[in-house]
Every structure is written in C-alpha cells, then in structure tokens.
N, C-alpha and C. Protein backbone atom coordinates (compact mmCIF):
# COMPACT_ATOMS: atom_id res chain seq x y z
N UNK A 1 19.08 17.74 22.43
CA UNK A 1 18.17 17.70 21.35
C UNK A 1 16.51 18.58 22.15
N UNK A 2 15.72 19.69 21.26
CA UNK A 2 14.87 20.04 21.65
C UNK A 2 13.29 18.78 21.84
N UNK A 3 12.77 18.84 22.53
CA UNK A 3 11.64 18.33 22.20
C UNK A 3 10.94 17.71 21.47
N UNK A 4 10.11 16.77 20.96
CA UNK A 4 9.24 16.50 19.47
C UNK A 4 8.50 16.70 19.86
N UNK A 5 7.06 17.37 19.25
CA UNK A 5 5.95 18.04 19.83
C UNK A 5 5.39 16.43 19.36
N UNK A 6 4.05 16.03 19.93
CA UNK A 6 3.56 14.74 19.80
C UNK A 6 1.98 15.25 19.14
N UNK A 7 1.52 14.87 17.93
CA UNK A 7 -0.08 15.02 18.10
C UNK A 7 -0.70 13.71 17.64
N UNK A 8 -1.60 13.55 19.23
CA UNK A 8 -2.26 12.56 19.13
C UNK A 8 -3.39 12.77 18.13
N UNK A 9 -3.98 11.73 17.19
CA UNK A 9 -5.47 11.92 16.38
C UNK A 9 -6.34 10.85 16.69
N UNK A 10 -7.29 12.13 17.08
CA UNK A 10 -8.22 11.07 18.27
C UNK A 10 -9.62 11.96 17.71
N UNK A 11 -10.06 12.54 16.24
CA UNK A 11 -11.17 12.95 16.00
C UNK A 11 -11.90 12.04 15.24
N UNK A 12 -11.22 10.82 15.11
CA UNK A 12 -12.44 9.83 14.36
C UNK A 12 -14.27 9.64 14.69
N UNK A 13 -15.01 9.51 13.88
CA UNK A 13 -16.55 8.86 14.29
C UNK A 13 -16.50 7.74 14.56
N UNK A 14 -15.43 6.46 14.60
CA UNK A 14 -15.74 5.13 14.79
C UNK A 14 -16.58 4.78 14.78
N UNK A 15 -17.28 5.19 12.99
CA UNK A 15 -18.08 4.10 12.56
C UNK A 15 -18.42 2.68 12.46
N UNK A 16 -17.37 2.00 12.47
CA UNK A 16 -16.98 0.34 12.54
C UNK A 16 -17.06 0.26 13.76
N UNK A 17 -16.86 0.43 15.01
CA UNK A 17 -16.81 0.49 16.20
C UNK A 17 -18.58 0.67 16.83
N UNK A 18 -19.24 1.66 16.17
CA UNK A 18 -20.63 1.67 16.56
C UNK A 18 -20.77 2.75 18.37
N UNK A 19 -19.34 2.78 18.78
CA UNK A 19 -19.70 3.95 20.04
C UNK A 19 -17.70 4.82 19.39
N UNK A 20 -17.88 5.45 20.29
CA UNK A 20 -16.63 6.28 20.18
C UNK A 20 -15.23 5.64 21.05
N UNK A 21 -14.64 5.46 19.90
CA UNK A 21 -13.52 4.76 20.88
C UNK A 21 -12.46 5.46 21.45
N UNK A 22 -12.74 6.56 21.53
CA UNK A 22 -12.10 7.47 22.26
C UNK A 22 -12.15 7.40 23.76
N UNK A 23 -13.66 7.17 24.23
CA UNK A 23 -14.37 6.85 25.24
C UNK A 23 -14.70 5.41 25.84
N UNK A 24 -13.96 4.68 24.95
CA UNK A 24 -14.38 3.60 25.65
C UNK A 24 -13.10 2.97 26.54
N UNK A 25 -13.72 2.35 27.59
CA UNK A 25 -13.13 1.67 28.44
C UNK A 25 -11.95 0.73 28.43
N UNK A 26 -10.69 1.65 29.42
CA UNK A 26 -9.06 0.79 29.03
C UNK A 26 -8.46 0.51 30.53
N UNK A 27 -8.54 -0.39 30.98
CA UNK A 27 -8.10 -0.14 32.49
C UNK A 27 -9.27 0.26 32.96
N UNK A 28 -8.29 1.05 33.59
CA UNK A 28 -9.38 2.25 34.55
C UNK A 28 -9.32 3.33 34.25
N UNK A 29 -9.35 3.53 32.82
CA UNK A 29 -9.32 5.23 32.15
C UNK A 29 -10.26 4.57 30.69
N UNK A 30 -10.21 5.58 30.25
CA UNK A 30 -10.83 5.99 28.93
C UNK A 30 -9.60 5.52 27.91
N UNK A 31 -10.36 4.84 26.86
CA UNK A 31 -9.00 5.05 25.88
C UNK A 31 -8.13 6.08 25.45
N UNK A 32 -8.84 7.02 25.46
CA UNK A 32 -7.62 8.26 25.37
C UNK A 32 -6.95 8.87 26.07
N UNK A 33 -7.78 8.96 27.45
CA UNK A 33 -6.97 8.71 28.80
C UNK A 33 -5.29 8.40 28.73
N UNK A 34 -6.19 7.41 28.49
CA UNK A 34 -4.63 6.17 27.95
C UNK A 34 -3.55 6.28 27.63
N UNK A 35 -3.75 6.78 26.21
CA UNK A 35 -3.16 7.51 25.09
C UNK A 35 -2.24 8.30 25.36
N UNK A 36 -3.05 9.16 26.07
CA UNK A 36 -2.62 10.45 26.68
C UNK A 36 -1.13 10.16 27.28
N UNK A 37 -1.54 9.44 28.27
CA UNK A 37 -0.59 8.84 29.78
C UNK A 37 0.46 8.59 29.05
N UNK A 38 0.48 7.51 28.23
CA UNK A 38 1.85 7.01 27.48
C UNK A 38 2.61 7.93 26.92
N UNK A 39 2.01 8.88 26.04
CA UNK A 39 2.73 10.02 25.43
C UNK A 39 3.33 10.82 26.44
N UNK A 40 2.85 11.55 27.39
CA UNK A 40 3.33 11.92 28.29
C UNK A 40 4.75 11.66 28.88
N UNK A 41 4.45 10.27 29.00
CA UNK A 41 5.73 9.82 29.61
C UNK A 41 6.95 10.12 28.57
N UNK A 42 6.88 9.91 27.54
CA UNK A 42 7.92 10.80 26.75
C UNK A 42 8.68 11.41 27.21
N UNK A 43 8.14 12.56 27.86
CA UNK A 43 8.85 13.84 28.08
C UNK A 43 8.46 15.02 27.07
N UNK A 44 7.71 14.63 25.84
CA UNK A 44 7.53 15.54 25.07
C UNK A 44 6.16 16.26 25.47
N UNK A 45 5.86 17.60 24.39
CA UNK A 45 4.70 17.88 24.71
C UNK A 45 3.78 17.48 23.95
N UNK A 46 2.31 16.91 24.34
CA UNK A 46 1.40 16.52 23.46
C UNK A 46 -0.09 17.04 23.04
N UNK A 47 -0.15 16.86 21.84
CA UNK A 47 -1.25 18.20 21.69
C UNK A 47 -2.37 16.91 20.98
N UNK A 48 -3.60 16.61 21.05
CA UNK A 48 -4.60 15.78 21.01
C UNK A 48 -5.42 17.11 20.19
N UNK A 49 -5.73 16.28 18.94
CA UNK A 49 -7.17 16.60 17.77
C UNK A 49 -7.85 16.08 18.23
N UNK A 50 -8.81 16.67 18.51
CA UNK A 50 -10.66 16.01 18.29
C UNK A 50 -11.29 16.52 17.20
N UNK A 51 -12.25 15.90 17.32
CA UNK A 51 -13.57 16.10 16.48
C UNK A 51 -14.96 15.62 16.98
N UNK A 52 -15.19 14.23 17.02
CA UNK A 52 -16.48 13.75 16.79
C UNK A 52 -16.52 13.32 18.53
N UNK A 53 -17.61 14.06 19.03
CA UNK A 53 -17.84 13.85 20.31
C UNK A 53 -16.96 14.88 21.33
N UNK A 54 -15.84 15.63 20.35
CA UNK A 54 -15.40 16.35 21.45
C UNK A 54 -15.81 17.19 22.89
N UNK A 55 -16.97 17.37 22.61
CA UNK A 55 -17.78 18.16 24.04
C UNK A 55 -17.51 17.19 24.89
N UNK A 56 -17.73 15.75 24.86
CA UNK A 56 -17.46 14.48 26.09
C UNK A 56 -16.29 14.55 26.70
N UNK A 57 -15.11 14.29 25.33
CA UNK A 57 -13.62 14.35 26.04
C UNK A 57 -13.17 15.23 26.67
N UNK A 58 -13.12 16.61 26.13
CA UNK A 58 -12.56 17.83 26.47
C UNK A 58 -12.55 18.02 28.29
N UNK A 59 -13.70 17.55 28.61
CA UNK A 59 -13.00 17.30 29.90
C UNK A 59 -12.60 16.52 30.61
N UNK A 60 -12.57 15.21 29.85
CA UNK A 60 -11.10 14.40 30.36
C UNK A 60 -9.67 14.75 30.39
N UNK A 61 -9.76 15.97 29.59
CA UNK A 61 -8.53 16.49 29.44
C UNK A 61 -8.37 18.14 30.51
N UNK A 62 -8.85 17.86 31.15
CA UNK A 62 -9.08 19.18 31.54
C UNK A 62 -7.70 19.06 32.64
N UNK A 63 -7.73 18.08 33.49
CA UNK A 63 -6.75 17.94 34.49
C UNK A 63 -5.36 17.24 34.29
N UNK A 64 -5.06 17.60 32.72
CA UNK A 64 -3.94 17.14 32.30
C UNK A 64 -3.20 17.79 31.77
N UNK A 65 -1.69 17.94 31.76
CA UNK A 65 -0.78 18.82 31.12
C UNK A 65 -0.73 19.17 29.58
N UNK A 66 -1.74 18.93 28.82
CA UNK A 66 -2.20 18.70 27.67
C UNK A 66 -3.19 19.52 26.67
N UNK A 67 -2.58 19.71 25.38
CA UNK A 67 -3.01 21.01 24.93
C UNK A 67 -4.10 19.76 23.57
N UNK A 68 -5.13 20.71 23.30
CA UNK A 68 -5.76 20.23 22.27
C UNK A 68 -6.71 21.14 21.28
N UNK A 69 -6.95 20.08 20.43
CA UNK A 69 -7.41 21.27 19.31
C UNK A 69 -8.99 21.03 18.80
N UNK A 70 -9.36 21.59 18.05
CA UNK A 70 -11.14 20.31 18.16
C UNK A 70 -11.27 21.04 16.12
N UNK A 71 -10.81 20.01 15.58
CA UNK A 71 -10.96 20.04 14.06
C UNK A 71 -12.11 20.14 13.92
N UNK A 72 -13.55 20.84 13.41
CA UNK A 72 -14.45 20.70 13.30
C UNK A 72 -14.85 20.27 11.70
N UNK A 73 -13.41 19.88 10.95
CA UNK A 73 -13.92 19.48 9.51
C UNK A 73 -13.43 17.85 9.74
N UNK A 74 -13.27 17.30 10.72
CA UNK A 74 -13.21 16.07 11.30
C UNK A 74 -14.33 14.76 10.03
N UNK A 75 -14.75 15.09 9.84
CA UNK A 75 -15.87 14.17 8.86
C UNK A 75 -15.67 14.36 7.39
N UNK A 76 -14.43 15.27 7.26
CA UNK A 76 -14.06 15.23 5.88
C UNK A 76 -12.73 13.99 5.75
N UNK A 77 -12.49 13.89 6.84
CA UNK A 77 -11.35 12.82 6.48
C UNK A 77 -10.29 12.97 7.43
N UNK A 78 -8.89 12.07 7.50
CA UNK A 78 -8.06 11.77 8.61
C UNK A 78 -7.15 13.61 8.04
N UNK A 79 -7.17 13.75 6.67
CA UNK A 79 -6.01 14.52 6.45
C UNK A 79 -6.57 15.85 6.72
N UNK A 80 -7.85 16.09 7.21
CA UNK A 80 -8.10 17.66 7.87
C UNK A 80 -7.42 17.93 9.16
N UNK A 81 -7.42 16.39 9.87
CA UNK A 81 -7.18 16.22 11.58
C UNK A 81 -5.19 16.52 11.22
N UNK A 82 -4.91 16.00 10.28
CA UNK A 82 -3.30 16.33 10.65
C UNK A 82 -3.01 17.68 10.20
N UNK A 83 -3.72 18.38 9.38
CA UNK A 83 -3.43 19.58 9.17
C UNK A 83 -3.66 20.47 10.34
N UNK A 84 -4.67 20.21 10.66
CA UNK A 84 -5.32 20.99 12.04
C UNK A 84 -3.85 20.80 13.00
N UNK A 85 -3.52 19.52 12.99
CA UNK A 85 -2.44 19.51 14.08
C UNK A 85 -1.00 20.25 13.81
N UNK A 86 -0.29 19.83 12.62
CA UNK A 86 0.65 20.35 11.93
C UNK A 86 0.65 21.95 12.43
N UNK A 87 -0.29 22.20 11.70
CA UNK A 87 -0.74 24.02 11.91
C UNK A 87 -0.53 24.42 13.10
N UNK A 88 -1.43 24.02 14.29
CA UNK A 88 -1.26 24.22 15.52
C UNK A 88 0.40 23.95 16.36
N UNK A 89 0.71 23.03 15.58
CA UNK A 89 2.58 22.67 16.17
C UNK A 89 3.16 23.87 15.60
N UNK A 90 3.25 23.92 14.40
CA UNK A 90 3.98 25.17 13.68
C UNK A 90 3.95 26.58 14.79
N UNK A 91 2.81 26.83 15.18
CA UNK A 91 2.45 27.92 15.57
C UNK A 91 2.75 27.93 17.42
N UNK A 92 2.71 27.28 17.90
CA UNK A 92 2.83 26.53 19.01
C UNK A 92 4.07 25.95 19.46
N UNK A 93 4.78 25.31 18.69
CA UNK A 93 6.21 25.19 19.25
C UNK A 93 7.03 26.10 17.43
N UNK A 94 7.66 26.78 17.28
CA UNK A 94 7.84 27.32 15.99
C UNK A 94 9.27 27.04 15.56
N UNK A 95 9.77 26.25 16.90
CA UNK A 95 11.09 25.41 16.33
C UNK A 95 11.33 24.54 16.27
N UNK A 96 10.06 23.59 16.42
CA UNK A 96 10.45 22.04 16.62
C UNK A 96 10.96 21.71 15.61
N UNK A 97 11.39 20.51 15.41
CA UNK A 97 11.96 19.99 14.58
C UNK A 97 11.76 19.15 13.47
N UNK A 98 10.55 18.66 14.68
CA UNK A 98 10.11 17.58 13.76
C UNK A 98 8.61 17.41 15.09
N UNK A 99 7.51 16.33 14.00
CA UNK A 99 6.27 15.62 14.87
C UNK A 99 6.61 14.45 14.56
N UNK A 100 5.62 14.18 15.74
CA UNK A 100 5.35 12.56 16.32
C UNK A 100 4.05 12.56 15.70
N UNK A 101 3.63 11.81 14.92
CA UNK A 101 2.26 11.41 14.99
C UNK A 101 1.81 10.01 15.15
N UNK A 102 0.97 10.48 16.57
CA UNK A 102 0.16 8.77 16.72
C UNK A 102 -1.37 8.84 16.81
N UNK A 103 -1.75 7.51 17.27
CA UNK A 103 -3.11 7.88 16.73
C UNK A 103 -4.26 6.87 18.30
N UNK A 104 -5.29 6.82 18.71
CA UNK A 104 -5.93 6.82 19.66
C UNK A 104 -6.15 5.27 19.74
N UNK A 105 -5.91 4.99 18.45
CA UNK A 105 -6.76 3.51 18.71
C UNK A 105 -5.49 2.46 18.75
N UNK A 106 -4.46 2.52 18.90
CA UNK A 106 -3.12 1.49 19.11
C UNK A 106 -3.06 1.44 20.28
N UNK A 107 -3.47 0.95 21.63
CA UNK A 107 -3.37 1.42 23.10
C UNK A 107 -2.15 -0.23 23.36
N UNK A 108 -2.13 -0.91 22.29
CA UNK A 108 -1.31 -2.14 22.88
C UNK A 108 0.22 -1.48 22.68
N UNK A 109 0.52 -0.48 21.89
CA UNK A 109 1.78 0.10 21.60
C UNK A 109 2.66 1.02 23.41
N UNK A 110 3.52 0.29 23.74
CA UNK A 110 3.86 0.67 24.99
C UNK A 110 4.79 1.80 24.83
N UNK A 111 5.30 2.63 25.93
CA UNK A 111 5.68 3.71 25.65
C UNK A 111 7.20 3.47 25.12
N UNK A 112 7.88 2.24 25.28
CA UNK A 112 9.31 2.08 24.36
C UNK A 112 9.43 2.10 23.03
N UNK A 113 7.99 1.41 22.18
CA UNK A 113 8.51 2.09 20.83
C UNK A 113 8.35 3.41 20.52
N UNK A 114 7.42 4.23 21.24
CA UNK A 114 7.37 6.07 20.99
C UNK A 114 8.56 6.05 21.34
N UNK A 115 9.52 6.11 22.84
CA UNK A 115 10.74 6.18 22.93
C UNK A 115 11.59 5.90 21.45
N UNK A 116 11.73 4.43 21.02
CA UNK A 116 12.23 4.01 20.07
C UNK A 116 12.63 5.51 19.06
N UNK A 117 11.44 5.34 18.38
CA UNK A 117 10.65 6.33 17.32
C UNK A 117 11.70 7.69 17.40
N UNK A 118 11.48 8.17 18.91
CA UNK A 118 12.25 9.58 19.04
C UNK A 118 13.25 9.41 19.03
N UNK A 119 14.22 8.36 19.43
CA UNK A 119 15.68 8.38 19.82
C UNK A 119 16.40 8.25 18.30
N UNK A 120 16.01 7.36 17.45
CA UNK A 120 16.11 7.05 16.03
C UNK A 120 15.87 8.27 15.39
N UNK A 121 15.51 9.72 15.54
CA UNK A 121 15.58 10.36 14.74
C UNK A 121 16.78 11.71 14.87
N UNK A 122 17.06 11.68 13.61
CA UNK A 122 18.42 13.01 13.75
C UNK A 122 17.75 14.05 12.85
N UNK A 123 17.19 15.27 13.34
CA UNK A 123 16.47 16.73 12.73
C UNK A 123 18.07 16.86 11.85
N UNK A 124 17.22 17.90 10.54
CA UNK A 124 17.65 18.49 9.71
C UNK A 124 17.91 17.24 8.79
N UNK A 125 17.79 16.15 8.57
CA UNK A 125 18.30 15.01 7.71
C UNK A 125 17.23 14.42 7.03
N UNK A 126 15.97 14.73 6.79
CA UNK A 126 14.69 14.80 6.01
C UNK A 126 14.28 13.56 6.81
N UNK A 127 14.32 13.01 7.65
CA UNK A 127 13.78 11.48 8.23
C UNK A 127 12.92 11.58 8.08
N UNK A 128 11.91 10.50 8.14
CA UNK A 128 10.55 10.18 8.58
C UNK A 128 11.05 9.06 8.82
N UNK A 129 10.87 8.52 10.53
CA UNK A 129 10.65 7.56 11.47
C UNK A 129 9.49 6.98 11.52
N UNK A 130 9.36 5.71 10.97
CA UNK A 130 7.95 5.12 10.82
C UNK A 130 8.23 3.92 11.57
N UNK A 131 6.57 3.43 12.13
CA UNK A 131 6.50 1.88 12.46
C UNK A 131 6.34 0.78 11.35
N UNK A 132 6.85 -0.45 11.51
CA UNK A 132 6.77 -1.19 10.94
C UNK A 132 5.63 -2.49 11.46
N UNK A 133 5.04 -2.81 10.70
CA UNK A 133 4.21 -3.86 11.06
C UNK A 133 5.16 -5.41 11.28
N UNK A 134 4.26 -6.45 11.99
CA UNK A 134 4.88 -7.77 11.35
C UNK A 134 4.21 -8.25 10.34
N UNK A 135 3.34 -7.28 9.75
CA UNK A 135 2.32 -8.01 8.26
C UNK A 135 3.28 -7.34 7.30
N UNK A 136 4.40 -6.60 7.85
CA UNK A 136 4.92 -5.98 6.35
C UNK A 136 4.37 -4.83 6.12
N UNK A 137 3.57 -3.79 6.58
CA UNK A 137 3.02 -2.44 6.53
C UNK A 137 3.87 -1.63 7.26
N UNK A 138 4.01 -0.17 6.85
CA UNK A 138 4.93 0.81 7.23
C UNK A 138 3.52 2.00 7.71
N UNK A 139 3.67 2.57 8.66
CA UNK A 139 3.14 3.79 9.16
C UNK A 139 3.20 4.59 10.15
N UNK A 140 2.06 5.08 10.62
CA UNK A 140 1.70 5.99 11.89
C UNK A 140 1.87 4.56 13.12
N UNK A 141 2.53 5.11 14.32
CA UNK A 141 3.18 6.61 14.41
C UNK A 141 4.11 6.34 13.56
N UNK A 142 4.48 7.96 13.43
CA UNK A 142 5.69 8.09 12.76
C UNK A 142 6.08 9.51 12.76
N UNK A 143 7.55 9.87 12.75
CA UNK A 143 8.23 10.76 13.61
C UNK A 143 8.14 11.69 11.62
N UNK A 144 8.22 12.76 11.73
CA UNK A 144 8.50 13.73 10.06
C UNK A 144 9.48 14.78 10.60
N UNK A 145 10.36 15.02 10.29
CA UNK A 145 11.37 15.88 9.83
C UNK A 145 10.20 17.19 9.67
N UNK A 146 10.70 18.39 10.35
CA UNK A 146 10.21 19.77 10.05
C UNK A 146 9.72 19.95 8.47
N UNK A 147 11.15 19.44 7.23
CA UNK A 147 11.35 19.50 6.00
C UNK A 147 9.55 19.46 5.63
N UNK A 148 9.31 18.32 6.11
CA UNK A 148 7.89 18.19 5.80
C UNK A 148 6.57 18.61 6.30
N UNK A 149 6.67 19.59 6.95
CA UNK A 149 5.49 20.32 7.19
C UNK A 149 4.62 20.86 6.47
N UNK A 150 5.44 21.88 5.42
CA UNK A 150 4.82 22.27 4.48
C UNK A 150 3.40 21.07 3.86
N UNK A 151 4.16 19.82 3.49
CA UNK A 151 3.31 19.37 2.41
C UNK A 151 2.34 18.68 3.30
N UNK A 152 2.78 18.18 5.04
CA UNK A 152 1.51 17.30 5.82
C UNK A 152 0.49 18.63 5.75
N UNK A 153 0.50 19.91 5.90
CA UNK A 153 -0.28 20.83 5.99
C UNK A 153 -1.18 20.84 4.50
N UNK A 154 -0.85 20.38 3.06
CA UNK A 154 -1.34 20.46 1.95
C UNK A 154 -2.16 19.54 1.78
N UNK A 155 -2.16 18.57 2.63
CA UNK A 155 -2.86 17.01 2.60
C UNK A 155 -4.35 17.19 1.93
N UNK A 156 -5.05 16.64 1.35
CA UNK A 156 -6.31 16.90 1.14
C UNK A 156 -7.09 16.13 2.32
N UNK A 157 -8.43 16.13 2.13
CA UNK A 157 -9.54 15.34 2.95
C UNK A 157 -9.43 14.12 3.47
N UNK A 158 -9.33 13.11 2.76
CA UNK A 158 -8.79 11.63 2.62
C UNK A 158 -7.73 11.18 2.97
N UNK A 159 -6.65 12.34 2.69
CA UNK A 159 -5.03 11.88 2.66
C UNK A 159 -4.64 11.43 3.97
N UNK A 160 -3.78 10.88 4.29
CA UNK A 160 -3.21 10.47 5.36
C UNK A 160 -2.27 10.65 5.01
N UNK A 161 -1.00 10.35 6.05
CA UNK A 161 0.69 10.68 6.39
C UNK A 161 1.35 9.51 5.61
N UNK A 162 0.32 8.43 4.91
CA UNK A 162 1.06 7.45 4.33
C UNK A 162 1.37 8.20 2.83
N UNK A 163 0.90 8.95 2.43
CA UNK A 163 1.23 9.67 1.15
C UNK A 163 2.82 10.16 0.85
N UNK A 164 3.08 10.80 2.41
CA UNK A 164 4.31 10.77 2.06
C UNK A 164 5.70 10.17 2.63
N UNK A 165 5.11 9.22 3.05
CA UNK A 165 6.00 7.76 3.37
C UNK A 165 6.17 7.10 1.80
N UNK A 166 5.19 6.99 1.30
CA UNK A 166 5.70 6.85 0.15
C UNK A 166 6.12 7.39 -1.26
N UNK A 167 6.05 8.68 -0.84
CA UNK A 167 6.80 10.13 -1.62
C UNK A 167 7.89 9.83 -1.66
N UNK A 168 8.44 9.71 0.01
CA UNK A 168 10.01 9.52 0.10
C UNK A 168 10.09 8.32 0.71
N UNK A 169 9.94 7.41 -0.14
CA UNK A 169 10.10 6.22 0.29
C UNK A 169 11.81 5.89 0.72
N UNK A 170 12.77 6.90 0.42
CA UNK A 170 13.87 6.81 0.41
C UNK A 170 14.32 7.15 1.85
N UNK A 171 13.39 8.12 2.12
CA UNK A 171 14.37 8.52 3.56
C UNK A 171 13.49 8.16 4.62
N UNK A 172 13.13 6.95 4.53
CA UNK A 172 12.07 6.50 5.49
C UNK A 172 13.05 5.67 6.23
N UNK A 173 12.95 5.12 7.52
CA UNK A 173 13.90 4.40 8.78
C UNK A 173 12.88 4.11 9.20
N UNK A 174 12.76 2.33 9.20
CA UNK A 174 11.45 1.92 9.99
C UNK A 174 11.88 1.05 11.39
N UNK A 175 11.08 1.65 12.34
CA UNK A 175 11.33 0.83 13.66
C UNK A 175 10.20 0.00 13.94
N UNK A 176 10.96 -1.17 14.59
CA UNK A 176 9.74 -2.67 14.63
C UNK A 176 8.59 -2.56 15.36
N UNK A 177 7.57 -2.54 15.51
CA UNK A 177 6.22 -2.17 16.42
C UNK A 177 5.28 -3.94 16.29
N UNK A 178 5.68 -4.57 15.36
CA UNK A 178 5.55 -5.89 15.75
C UNK A 178 3.90 -6.27 15.24
N UNK A 179 3.42 -7.33 16.29
CA UNK A 179 1.77 -7.21 16.56
C UNK A 179 1.25 -6.14 17.19
N UNK A 180 2.24 -5.27 17.99
CA UNK A 180 1.64 -4.58 18.51
C UNK A 180 1.00 -3.03 18.24
N UNK A 181 1.53 -3.42 16.81
CA UNK A 181 0.95 -2.12 15.73
C UNK A 181 -0.79 -2.33 15.82
N UNK A 182 -1.06 -3.14 15.79
CA UNK A 182 -2.99 -3.50 15.72
C UNK A 182 -4.11 -2.19 16.28
N UNK A 183 -4.56 -2.31 14.76
CA UNK A 183 -6.05 -1.07 15.46
C UNK A 183 -6.72 -1.41 16.16
N UNK A 184 -7.32 -0.93 17.01
CA UNK A 184 -8.53 -1.05 17.45
C UNK A 184 -9.80 -0.37 16.89
N UNK A 185 -10.15 -1.76 15.68
CA UNK A 185 -11.25 -0.54 14.90
C UNK A 185 -13.12 -1.02 15.15
N UNK A 186 -12.82 -2.33 15.51
CA UNK A 186 -14.35 -2.67 15.63
C UNK A 186 -14.75 -3.77 17.22
N UNK A 187 -15.76 -4.27 17.29
CA UNK A 187 -16.31 -4.60 18.66
C UNK A 187 -15.17 -5.89 18.52
N UNK A 188 -15.19 -6.55 18.24
CA UNK A 188 -14.45 -7.70 17.71
C UNK A 188 -12.68 -7.57 18.24
N UNK A 189 -12.08 -6.40 17.70
CA UNK A 189 -10.92 -6.34 17.64
C UNK A 189 -10.88 -5.73 18.97
N UNK A 190 -11.93 -5.42 19.76
CA UNK A 190 -11.69 -4.54 21.09
C UNK A 190 -11.64 -5.66 22.36
N UNK A 191 -12.57 -6.50 22.05
CA UNK A 191 -12.70 -8.01 22.93
C UNK A 191 -11.44 -8.40 22.69
N UNK A 192 -11.02 -8.60 21.88
CA UNK A 192 -9.45 -9.26 21.81
C UNK A 192 -8.42 -8.49 22.36
N UNK A 193 -8.43 -7.33 22.22
CA UNK A 193 -7.41 -6.45 23.13
C UNK A 193 -7.34 -6.39 24.59
N UNK A 194 -8.62 -6.34 25.11
CA UNK A 194 -9.07 -6.65 26.36
C UNK A 194 -8.76 -7.98 26.63
N UNK A 195 -8.45 -8.95 26.58
CA UNK A 195 -8.35 -9.94 26.68
C UNK A 195 -6.98 -10.23 27.07
N UNK A 196 -5.88 -9.36 25.84
CA UNK A 196 -4.49 -9.18 26.03
C UNK A 196 -4.20 -8.66 27.21
N UNK A 197 -4.92 -7.57 27.47
CA UNK A 197 -4.43 -6.87 28.64
C UNK A 197 -4.81 -7.50 29.96
N UNK A 198 -5.74 -8.73 29.99
CA UNK A 198 -6.35 -9.34 31.20
C UNK A 198 -7.31 -9.15 31.34
N UNK A 199 -8.40 -7.53 30.55
CA UNK A 199 -9.63 -7.49 31.17
C UNK A 199 -10.64 -8.22 30.68
N UNK A 200 -12.01 -8.38 31.64
CA UNK A 200 -13.08 -8.99 31.05
C UNK A 200 -13.83 -7.86 30.07
N UNK A 201 -14.25 -9.00 28.91
CA UNK A 201 -14.64 -8.70 27.70
C UNK A 201 -16.13 -7.54 27.94
N UNK A 202 -15.86 -6.49 27.40
CA UNK A 202 -16.91 -5.64 27.53
C UNK A 202 -17.41 -4.81 26.14
N UNK A 203 -18.53 -4.56 26.25
CA UNK A 203 -18.95 -3.60 24.92
C UNK A 203 -19.45 -2.31 25.26
N UNK A 204 -18.91 -2.02 26.43
CA UNK A 204 -19.44 -0.55 26.81
C UNK A 204 -18.16 0.46 26.97
N UNK A 205 -18.08 1.29 27.08
CA UNK A 205 -17.54 2.58 27.19
C UNK A 205 -17.51 3.16 29.20
N UNK A 206 -18.58 2.24 29.28
CA UNK A 206 -18.77 2.89 30.72
C UNK A 206 -17.67 2.17 31.66
C-alpha cells in the first residue's frame, strides 16, 4: 500500500501556555523537532502546517526531509490549518488514499501508536481510524480515507476534524491511546510531562 501522508498541525498561538509550544524544550530537541522525528519513523511523508512564530520554526525544519506550509489564517481557528494541510496533500500527493492528522502537543504518544493507526487503515472503505483515550473521548491523531478530503477542505474557521468523527460515527474505528493522548496545553501540564520522561522541570524553551 502507498504511504499515507501525515499532516502535523503546529500553527497555534499557544495562548494558554504563554509561549510557543512548538519551541518548548523536549529532551535535547524542541517539541516540534521531537514530533517530526517520531512521525518520520513511520516511513510516511510528513507535512507540517505552521502559523504562529513560523519564522522561528522554519529554520528548525531546513535540515529535515520534511515539507511545510505556512497558514497565514491560523488565528481564525484550527479548521483553517486542516484546510491548508489537506489542500497541500491533495496537490503534492494526488494519489494519496488517505491522510493522517497529528498534533504537535501530544508528545507522549509513541511511534507504535501512529503505526497502529496506519496498520488499521483499509483504503477505499470510507474508514476513519481515530485515537481513543482512557477518558473516553475519540479524536486526533486520526486517519481519514480519501473520500473525506472534500469535507475536510470545507471545514470552517473554528471547526476541527471531530466534526467528521461525529457525522460519520459508524465509519470510525478506534485505536486505544490510553493516557498518552494527553495534550500539552498549559505550563502545569508541561511540568508534569517533563517529569514523566525524566526531565527536570523548566518554564523555558531554551
């Protein structure tokens, strides 16, 4: 089966964090670099959608075999980043049979979870392969069959991919991600996650 392109959504302004999440220190890398490295290990092509502080992030991607696109409308909502990413995938990979969407702020997810999503996918069956948390919610990372591209491109400003998960609930297949699906949204959650990976707490992206 052809490789499924991966869109890494990394355009947000990190208002709750107070500083760019993309540039937070994660091990010996930034959070963005960590996520890109994990996704590249799937063997699938990776497209990063940038927005806020794009000018600071782009140099980090120059030496990686990864494509990126800048969403100048990122402040209008995540829907604009999904639209930008899916349009780019449609242009760059016209034969893609699906697309996997991932978030920059879920750094605890291991490579194995993304592989499970990809392995569960059967093209041309109108599938949506979504992550399922221990708290009972279903969402991104999620893999969408090509048949959903048109609707993904029509998402409005604040709408996310969850709109399609609800609309096509009967087509959704869940892959358990447990507590590892936690989002890194606040300074407090950042400190907790750093402790989980054995790093000293830090409030800086330095």
